[in-house]
Amino acid sequence: MPPVAKVLHAGDPARMDLTQHLRDVPDFPKPGILFKDITPLLGNAAAMRETIARLSRMDFGKVDAIAAIESRGFLFGAPLAVQLGIGFVPIRKPGKLPWKTNRVEYALEYGTDTVEVHQDAVAKGQRVLLVDDVLATGGTMGAACKLIEACGATVAGCAFVIELDFLQGRKKLAGKQVQSVLHF
């Protein structure tokens, strides 16, 4: 029988150290990068529950929907939407959504990428919280914000599990409220 994890109440002042549930992977996806692997956190129910609880306590004012970026953002955005009792909006790579989409192309270090959302995923005037696992350079989240705004909704803020402060991704999200559970 597998060991039973000790569950800490989400509001407990002795909150668990979520950094103990991350793994550093050197030289991934390329040499010189130290990748913060969230797989151990996802595999621990208590750590995942605590992460969602911390995200749910962030104050972004009134939020009508959660939008998250493919694919790791889905792992936190969908349960957060359930926790908050609001809808979930997937932001995906091109060609993955079956309905009419809006798209935003954005620059990467070498080339470009694109994100899409269904045209009817959010309504004009809705306040949408965008969620992703990591804030690195801010390019993908910046594009996601533009995409939500192009649909007529307002970005309530951007929430992350991990923020790599040294990459200064917040600069690309200037004017947006940004909160992160963990900082490196």
Protein backbone atom coordinates (compact mmCIF):
# COMPACT_ATOMS: atom_id res chain seq x y z
CA MET A 1 0.00 0.00 0.00
CA PRO A 2 1.46 3.41 -0.95
CA PRO A 3 2.42 5.80 1.84
CA VAL A 4 -0.22 8.33 2.81
CA ALA A 5 0.88 11.94 2.38
CA LYS A 6 0.39 14.31 5.29
CA VAL A 7 -2.18 16.87 4.18
CA LEU A 8 -1.79 20.40 5.48
CA HIS A 9 -4.87 22.61 5.53
CA ALA A 10 -4.52 25.20 2.77
CA GLY A 11 -4.79 28.02 5.32
CA ASP A 12 -2.35 26.46 7.81
CA PRO A 13 0.45 28.88 8.79
CA ALA A 14 2.81 25.89 8.66
CA ARG A 15 2.27 25.69 4.90
CA MET A 16 4.27 23.11 3.10
CA ASP A 17 7.44 24.11 1.28
CA LEU A 18 6.40 23.64 -2.35
CA THR A 19 10.00 24.02 -3.52
CA GLN A 20 10.58 20.54 -2.09
CA HIS A 21 8.24 19.26 -4.81
CA LEU A 22 10.18 20.72 -7.74
CA ARG A 23 13.11 19.13 -9.52
CA ASP A 24 15.97 21.02 -11.17
CA VAL A 25 16.96 19.51 -14.52
CA PRO A 26 20.23 20.95 -15.83
CA ASP A 27 20.74 21.55 -19.55
CA PHE A 28 17.07 21.06 -20.51
CA PRO A 29 15.75 21.79 -23.09
CA LYS A 30 19.20 23.00 -24.19
CA PRO A 31 22.66 23.45 -22.64
CA GLY A 32 22.87 26.22 -20.06
CA ILE A 33 19.20 26.09 -19.03
CA LEU A 34 18.25 24.94 -15.52
CA PHE A 35 14.69 23.67 -15.98
CA LYS A 36 12.26 23.78 -13.04
CA ASP A 37 10.35 20.49 -13.38
CA ILE A 38 6.85 20.58 -11.83
CA THR A 39 6.23 16.84 -12.37
CA PRO A 40 6.96 15.91 -8.72
CA LEU A 41 4.53 18.63 -7.55
CA LEU A 42 1.83 17.28 -9.88
CA GLY A 43 2.41 13.79 -8.52
CA ASN A 44 1.84 14.81 -4.91
CA ALA A 45 -1.83 15.42 -4.11
CA ALA A 46 -1.11 17.52 -1.02
CA ALA A 47 1.38 19.72 -2.90
CA MET A 48 -1.01 20.14 -5.82
CA ARG A 49 -3.89 20.97 -3.47
CA GLU A 50 -1.72 23.54 -1.67
CA THR A 51 -0.66 25.10 -4.99
CA ILE A 52 -4.27 25.51 -6.13
CA ALA A 53 -5.21 26.88 -2.69
CA ARG A 54 -2.46 29.51 -2.92
CA LEU A 55 -3.53 30.49 -6.41
CA SER A 56 -7.15 30.76 -5.26
CA ARG A 57 -6.17 33.16 -2.45
CA MET A 58 -4.51 35.63 -4.83
CA ASP A 59 -6.55 38.83 -5.09
CA PHE A 60 -7.28 39.98 -8.63
CA GLY A 61 -10.68 41.47 -7.84
CA LYS A 62 -13.75 40.12 -9.59
CA VAL A 63 -12.87 37.34 -12.05
CA ASP A 64 -15.39 35.89 -14.51
CA ALA A 65 -13.23 33.19 -16.12
CA ILE A 66 -9.83 31.54 -16.00
CA ALA A 67 -7.82 31.26 -19.23
CA ALA A 68 -4.74 29.08 -19.31
CA ILE A 69 -2.02 28.42 -21.82
CA GLU A 70 -1.41 25.02 -23.38
CA SER A 71 -0.36 22.70 -21.93
CA ARG A 72 1.05 23.03 -18.42
CA GLY A 73 -1.13 26.06 -17.70
CA PHE A 74 -4.15 23.76 -18.10
CA LEU A 75 -2.91 21.66 -15.16
CA PHE A 76 -3.37 24.63 -12.82
CA GLY A 77 -5.98 26.74 -14.60
CA ALA A 78 -8.71 24.10 -14.83
CA PRO A 79 -8.64 23.06 -11.15
CA LEU A 80 -8.42 26.74 -10.14
CA ALA A 81 -11.53 27.49 -12.21
CA VAL A 82 -13.34 24.61 -10.48
CA GLN A 83 -12.18 25.87 -7.06
CA LEU A 84 -13.45 29.38 -7.84
CA GLY A 85 -16.68 28.16 -9.46
CA ILE A 86 -16.05 29.90 -12.81
CA GLY A 87 -15.48 28.81 -16.40
CA PHE A 88 -12.23 27.72 -18.00
CA VAL A 89 -10.89 28.96 -21.36
CA PRO A 90 -8.11 27.02 -23.15
CA ILE A 91 -5.51 29.02 -25.06
CA ARG A 92 -3.89 26.67 -27.55
CA LYS A 93 -1.32 26.33 -30.30
CA PRO A 94 -2.62 26.75 -33.88
CA GLY A 95 -4.88 24.09 -35.33
CA LYS A 96 -5.90 22.55 -31.99
CA LEU A 97 -9.27 24.29 -31.50
CA PRO A 98 -12.23 23.10 -33.59
CA TRP A 99 -14.21 26.35 -33.82
CA LYS A 100 -13.57 29.85 -35.21
CA THR A 101 -10.51 31.32 -33.52
CA ASN A 102 -8.66 34.55 -32.91
CA ARG A 103 -4.88 34.29 -33.00
CA VAL A 104 -1.85 36.27 -31.93
CA GLU A 105 1.65 35.69 -33.25
CA TYR A 106 4.58 36.64 -31.04
CA ALA A 107 8.35 36.73 -31.24
CA LEU A 108 10.61 34.13 -29.70
CA GLU A 109 14.38 34.28 -29.34
CA TYR A 110 14.68 32.47 -32.69
CA GLY A 111 11.49 32.78 -34.71
CA THR A 112 7.83 33.19 -33.83
CA ASP A 113 5.00 31.27 -32.24
CA THR A 114 1.23 31.63 -32.22
CA VAL A 115 -1.60 31.13 -29.72
CA GLU A 116 -5.32 30.87 -30.42
CA VAL A 117 -8.61 31.01 -28.57
CA HIS A 118 -12.20 30.41 -29.69
CA GLN A 119 -13.80 33.68 -30.77
CA ASP A 120 -16.73 33.06 -28.41
CA ALA A 121 -14.64 31.85 -25.44
CA VAL A 122 -14.97 35.12 -23.54
CA ALA A 123 -17.55 37.87 -23.70
CA LYS A 124 -16.93 41.57 -24.10
CA GLY A 125 -16.36 43.10 -20.68
CA GLN A 126 -15.60 39.85 -18.86
CA ARG A 127 -12.65 39.91 -16.46
CA VAL A 128 -10.33 37.01 -17.22
CA LEU A 129 -7.47 35.73 -15.07
CA LEU A 130 -4.69 34.16 -17.12
CA VAL A 131 -2.79 31.26 -15.55
CA ASP A 132 0.42 29.46 -16.49
CA ASP A 133 2.97 27.30 -14.73
CA VAL A 134 6.07 29.48 -15.22
CA LEU A 135 6.75 33.14 -15.97
CA ALA A 136 10.08 33.24 -17.75
CA THR A 137 10.56 35.92 -20.43
CA GLY A 138 6.84 36.81 -20.57
CA GLY A 139 6.42 36.41 -24.33
CA THR A 140 3.77 33.70 -24.28
CA MET A 141 1.74 35.34 -21.50
CA GLY A 142 2.00 38.72 -23.20
CA ALA A 143 0.56 37.18 -26.36
CA ALA A 144 -2.20 35.47 -24.37
CA CYS A 145 -3.14 38.83 -22.79
CA LYS A 146 -3.39 40.42 -26.26
CA LEU A 147 -5.53 37.51 -27.41
CA ILE A 148 -8.02 37.87 -24.52
CA GLU A 149 -8.16 41.65 -25.01
CA ALA A 150 -8.73 41.21 -28.77
CA CYS A 151 -11.84 39.21 -27.86
CA GLY A 152 -13.17 42.23 -25.93
CA ALA A 153 -12.47 40.93 -22.44
CA THR A 154 -10.31 42.56 -19.76
CA VAL A 155 -7.25 40.86 -18.28
CA ALA A 156 -7.86 40.78 -14.52
CA GLY A 157 -4.28 39.65 -14.00
CA CYS A 158 -1.70 36.94 -14.62
CA ALA A 159 -1.06 34.17 -12.08
CA PHE A 160 1.89 31.79 -12.11
CA VAL A 161 3.07 28.89 -10.01
CA ILE A 162 6.74 29.78 -10.59
CA GLU A 163 8.36 33.08 -11.57
CA LEU A 164 11.97 33.18 -12.74
CA ASP A 165 12.68 36.71 -11.51
CA PHE A 166 16.09 36.97 -13.16
CA LEU A 167 14.49 36.75 -16.63
CA GLN A 168 12.35 39.84 -15.90
CA GLY A 169 9.23 38.52 -17.64
CA ARG A 170 7.11 41.05 -15.73
CA LYS A 171 8.48 43.76 -18.01
CA LYS A 172 6.58 42.27 -20.97
CA LEU A 173 3.44 42.28 -18.83
CA ALA A 174 3.72 45.97 -17.87
CA GLY A 175 0.40 47.34 -16.71
CA LYS A 176 -0.91 43.91 -15.75
CA GLN A 177 -1.24 42.66 -12.20
CA VAL A 178 1.16 39.71 -11.83
CA GLN A 179 1.32 37.32 -8.89
CA SER A 180 3.33 34.13 -8.44
CA VAL A 181 3.32 31.38 -5.83
CA LEU A 182 7.10 30.80 -5.96
CA HIS A 183 10.01 33.02 -7.02
CA PHE A 184 13.47 31.99 -8.21
